[in-house]
């Protein structure tokens, strides 16, 4: 792991812990309340954590460019080292976030079992289901991270109107991945999609890889923006 990646993990560690603790509390309280008034037909953990992780990774992608890029270069880090370290940090974070959803689903299932078992309509937990959830969420996590960084890079490098024009292509990794691999269909199972999983995964990863390459090309020699005032 690079020095930049280790430094970014130190910065984001408390934020990551806070995020997952908040998701756990909200999911637990929400499930307890829902169980008192209606039959639980979904996993609040999957819904809240699955959607939340994508938005957080989008924000992290934005912050890497808007905040950390200039600070690290001002302290002697080269563009190449920062981009490499940020890429390592982002990839590991995306994997960890995607893994937390099936792990949390398993814990949620165990809690239900300890209290007499979940309702029949609740999405059952299994090893195969956990792999499926991870396989859908990891490409989404990577796509949202890359889109966040790419959107911000467009505004960082170019004038505001050019950044606006680049919004649509920059958002393609997150939008296409969600459309092809979203897991929030009926009863928390993968929805019927336009393409089979393998084809959808291939298209999503190719778009994310293209977005990563475009991000690198924009940032590898960009001038450091001056601080206002």
Protein backbone atom coordinates (compact mmCIF):
# COMPACT_ATOMS: atom_id res chain seq x y z
CA UNK A 1 0.00 0.00 0.00
CA UNK A 2 1.35 3.43 -0.91
CA UNK A 3 2.08 6.25 1.52
CA UNK A 4 -0.77 8.31 0.07
CA UNK A 5 -3.22 5.42 0.46
CA UNK A 6 -2.22 4.88 4.09
CA UNK A 7 -2.60 8.58 4.76
CA UNK A 8 -6.07 8.66 3.21
CA UNK A 9 -7.14 5.67 5.29
CA UNK A 10 -6.05 7.50 8.45
CA UNK A 11 -8.13 10.50 7.41
CA UNK A 12 -11.23 8.51 6.50
CA UNK A 13 -11.12 5.79 9.18
CA UNK A 14 -13.31 7.67 11.70
CA UNK A 15 -15.72 8.68 8.93
CA UNK A 16 -16.03 5.06 7.77
CA UNK A 17 -16.63 3.84 11.34
CA UNK A 18 -19.23 6.57 11.90
CA UNK A 19 -21.00 5.72 8.65
CA UNK A 20 -21.39 2.01 9.36
CA UNK A 21 -22.37 2.57 13.00
CA UNK A 22 -25.07 4.97 11.84
CA UNK A 23 -26.36 2.53 9.22
CA UNK A 24 -26.46 -0.28 11.80
CA UNK A 25 -28.41 1.81 14.31
CA UNK A 26 -30.88 3.10 11.73
CA UNK A 27 -31.46 -0.38 10.27
CA UNK A 28 -31.88 -1.97 13.71
CA UNK A 29 -34.28 0.67 15.02
CA UNK A 30 -36.21 0.77 11.75
CA UNK A 31 -36.60 -3.02 11.68
CA UNK A 32 -37.73 -3.11 15.33
CA UNK A 33 -40.35 -0.44 14.71
CA UNK A 34 -41.51 -2.02 11.45
CA UNK A 35 -41.87 -5.43 13.11
CA UNK A 36 -44.30 -3.93 15.61
CA UNK A 37 -46.67 -2.48 13.04
CA UNK A 38 -46.41 -4.72 9.96
CA UNK A 39 -44.85 -7.83 8.51
CA UNK A 40 -41.20 -7.33 7.63
CA UNK A 41 -40.85 -8.13 3.93
CA UNK A 42 -37.47 -6.58 3.28
CA UNK A 43 -34.04 -6.14 4.77
CA UNK A 44 -33.60 -2.55 5.89
CA UNK A 45 -29.89 -3.25 6.16
CA UNK A 46 -29.64 -4.11 2.45
CA UNK A 47 -31.72 -1.10 1.44
CA UNK A 48 -30.04 1.49 3.66
CA UNK A 49 -26.48 0.18 3.42
CA UNK A 50 -26.72 -0.62 -0.29
CA UNK A 51 -27.91 2.84 -1.25
CA UNK A 52 -25.83 4.63 1.38
CA UNK A 53 -22.52 3.13 0.35
CA UNK A 54 -22.92 4.37 -3.23
CA UNK A 55 -23.62 7.95 -2.16
CA UNK A 56 -20.71 7.93 0.29
CA UNK A 57 -18.34 6.65 -2.36
CA UNK A 58 -19.58 9.35 -4.72
CA UNK A 59 -18.72 11.92 -2.04
CA UNK A 60 -15.31 10.35 -1.46
CA UNK A 61 -14.60 10.58 -5.19
CA UNK A 62 -15.52 14.27 -5.10
CA UNK A 63 -13.37 14.92 -2.03
CA UNK A 64 -10.31 13.22 -3.48
CA UNK A 65 -10.22 15.84 -6.24
CA UNK A 66 -11.80 18.89 -4.65
CA UNK A 67 -9.95 18.71 -1.32
CA UNK A 68 -7.10 16.22 -1.13
CA UNK A 69 -5.45 16.64 -4.53
CA UNK A 70 -4.28 20.19 -3.90
CA UNK A 71 -3.29 19.54 -0.27
CA UNK A 72 -1.12 16.54 -1.09
CA UNK A 73 0.61 18.27 -4.01
CA UNK A 74 1.27 21.30 -1.80
CA UNK A 75 3.11 18.98 0.58
CA UNK A 76 5.43 17.58 -2.06
CA UNK A 77 3.48 14.58 -3.35
CA UNK A 78 3.70 14.16 -7.12
CA UNK A 79 0.57 13.90 -9.25
CA UNK A 80 1.46 10.33 -10.19
CA UNK A 81 1.91 9.25 -6.57
CA UNK A 82 -1.32 10.91 -5.49
CA UNK A 83 -3.38 9.39 -8.29
CA UNK A 84 -1.90 5.95 -7.62
CA UNK A 85 -2.49 6.22 -3.87
CA UNK A 86 -6.00 7.57 -4.34
CA UNK A 87 -6.76 4.70 -6.72
CA UNK A 88 -5.54 2.10 -4.22
CA UNK A 89 -7.49 3.75 -1.40
CA UNK A 90 -10.64 3.99 -3.50
CA UNK A 91 -10.49 0.40 -4.72
CA UNK A 92 -9.94 -1.06 -1.24
CA UNK A 93 -12.68 1.14 0.21
CA UNK A 94 -15.13 0.07 -2.50
CA UNK A 95 -14.39 -3.61 -1.85
CA UNK A 96 -14.79 -3.15 1.90
CA UNK A 97 -18.04 -1.22 1.56
CA UNK A 98 -19.50 -3.78 -0.86
CA UNK A 99 -18.54 -6.64 1.49
CA UNK A 100 -20.20 -4.98 4.47
CA UNK A 101 -23.67 -5.31 2.93
CA UNK A 102 -23.80 -9.14 2.76
CA UNK A 103 -21.93 -9.35 6.09
CA UNK A 104 -24.52 -7.11 7.71
CA UNK A 105 -27.31 -9.10 6.06
CA UNK A 106 -25.90 -12.23 7.64
CA UNK A 107 -25.77 -10.61 11.07
CA UNK A 108 -29.32 -9.35 10.61
CA UNK A 109 -30.43 -12.87 9.70
CA UNK A 110 -28.75 -14.30 12.83
CA UNK A 111 -30.52 -11.73 15.01
CA UNK A 112 -33.86 -12.64 13.47
CA UNK A 113 -33.11 -16.34 14.04
CA UNK A 114 -32.24 -15.71 17.68
CA UNK A 115 -35.65 -14.11 18.20
CA UNK A 116 -37.68 -16.89 16.63
CA UNK A 117 -36.83 -16.48 12.97
CA UNK A 118 -37.71 -13.91 10.32
CA UNK A 119 -41.01 -13.85 8.44
CA UNK A 120 -41.25 -16.09 5.38
CA UNK A 121 -41.27 -13.08 3.08
CA UNK A 122 -37.99 -11.73 4.51
CA UNK A 123 -35.06 -12.25 2.08
CA UNK A 124 -33.22 -15.29 3.39
CA UNK A 125 -29.47 -15.18 3.86
CA UNK A 126 -27.22 -17.74 2.22
CA UNK A 127 -23.63 -18.00 1.02
CA UNK A 128 -24.79 -17.89 -2.60
CA UNK A 129 -26.97 -14.89 -1.87
CA UNK A 130 -24.08 -13.11 -0.17
CA UNK A 131 -21.86 -13.66 -3.21
CA UNK A 132 -24.64 -12.37 -5.46
CA UNK A 133 -25.12 -9.24 -3.36
CA UNK A 134 -21.38 -8.57 -3.36
CA UNK A 135 -21.18 -9.19 -7.09
CA UNK A 136 -23.82 -6.54 -7.73
CA UNK A 137 -22.65 -3.98 -5.20
CA UNK A 138 -18.91 -3.94 -5.94
CA UNK A 139 -19.28 -2.76 -9.56
CA UNK A 140 -21.77 -0.16 -8.34
CA UNK A 141 -19.39 1.02 -5.63
CA UNK A 142 -16.55 1.38 -8.14
CA UNK A 143 -18.79 3.12 -10.66
CA UNK A 144 -20.09 5.69 -8.18
CA UNK A 145 -16.57 6.37 -6.86
CA UNK A 146 -15.16 6.90 -10.36
CA UNK A 147 -18.10 9.08 -11.42
CA UNK A 148 -17.67 11.28 -8.35
CA UNK A 149 -13.99 11.80 -9.11
CA UNK A 150 -14.57 12.27 -12.84
CA UNK A 151 -17.39 14.79 -12.41
CA UNK A 152 -15.22 16.86 -10.08
CA UNK A 153 -12.20 16.59 -12.35
CA UNK A 154 -14.20 18.13 -15.19
CA UNK A 155 -14.94 21.22 -13.10
CA UNK A 156 -11.42 21.27 -11.64
CA UNK A 157 -9.59 21.23 -14.96
CA UNK A 158 -11.99 23.09 -17.25
CA UNK A 159 -14.26 26.11 -17.05
CA UNK A 160 -17.63 25.66 -15.37
CA UNK A 161 -19.55 25.39 -18.64
CA UNK A 162 -17.24 22.64 -19.87
CA UNK A 163 -17.69 20.85 -16.55
CA UNK A 164 -21.44 20.98 -17.07
CA UNK A 165 -21.10 19.54 -20.56
CA UNK A 166 -19.00 16.69 -19.16
CA UNK A 167 -21.52 15.81 -16.44
CA UNK A 168 -23.42 13.30 -18.54
CA UNK A 169 -20.45 11.23 -19.77
CA UNK A 170 -18.86 11.43 -16.30
CA UNK A 171 -22.05 10.03 -14.73
CA UNK A 172 -22.22 7.05 -17.10
CA UNK A 173 -20.32 4.61 -14.83
CA UNK A 174 -22.75 5.07 -11.95
CA UNK A 175 -25.89 5.33 -14.08
CA UNK A 176 -25.21 2.32 -16.31
CA UNK A 177 -24.03 0.15 -13.42
CA UNK A 178 -27.18 0.90 -11.46
CA UNK A 179 -29.37 0.17 -14.48
CA UNK A 180 -27.67 -3.12 -15.32
CA UNK A 181 -26.73 -4.49 -11.90
CA UNK A 182 -29.06 -2.93 -9.35
CA UNK A 183 -30.12 -5.39 -6.63
CA UNK A 184 -33.19 -3.61 -5.33
CA UNK A 185 -35.90 -5.45 -7.19
CA UNK A 186 -38.90 -7.31 -5.79
CA UNK A 187 -38.20 -8.96 -2.43
CA UNK A 188 -34.63 -7.67 -2.44
CA UNK A 189 -33.54 -9.92 -5.27
CA UNK A 190 -31.84 -8.75 -8.46
CA UNK A 191 -34.41 -7.18 -10.75
CA UNK A 192 -34.92 -8.37 -14.27
CA UNK A 193 -32.40 -6.44 -16.34
CA UNK A 194 -31.86 -5.70 -19.99
CA UNK A 195 -28.69 -7.81 -20.04
CA UNK A 196 -27.69 -11.01 -18.23
CA UNK A 197 -25.39 -10.52 -15.25
CA UNK A 198 -22.16 -11.41 -17.07
CA UNK A 199 -22.89 -9.01 -19.91
CA UNK A 200 -24.03 -6.28 -17.54
CA UNK A 201 -20.90 -6.74 -15.42
CA UNK A 202 -18.67 -6.52 -18.49
CA UNK A 203 -20.31 -3.32 -19.74
CA UNK A 204 -20.23 -1.76 -16.27
CA UNK A 205 -16.56 -2.55 -15.67
CA UNK A 206 -15.57 -1.35 -19.13
CA UNK A 207 -17.32 1.97 -18.53
CA UNK A 208 -15.73 2.30 -15.09
CA UNK A 209 -12.31 1.51 -16.56
CA UNK A 210 -12.86 4.10 -19.29
CA UNK A 211 -13.90 6.62 -16.66
CA UNK A 212 -10.78 5.84 -14.65
CA UNK A 213 -8.59 6.36 -17.71
CA UNK A 214 -10.35 9.65 -18.53
CA UNK A 215 -9.88 10.80 -14.94
CA UNK A 216 -6.16 10.02 -15.07
CA UNK A 217 -5.70 11.82 -18.37
CA UNK A 218 -7.41 14.92 -16.99
CA UNK A 219 -5.51 15.01 -13.69
CA UNK A 220 -2.02 13.80 -14.60
CA UNK A 221 -0.82 17.25 -15.66
CA UNK A 222 -3.54 19.61 -14.42
CA UNK A 223 -2.48 22.87 -12.82
CA UNK A 224 -3.14 23.14 -9.10
CA UNK A 225 -6.09 25.43 -8.56
CA UNK A 226 -5.32 28.58 -6.57
CA UNK A 227 -6.99 29.04 -3.23
CA UNK A 228 -9.62 31.77 -3.30
CA UNK A 229 -8.62 34.97 -1.53
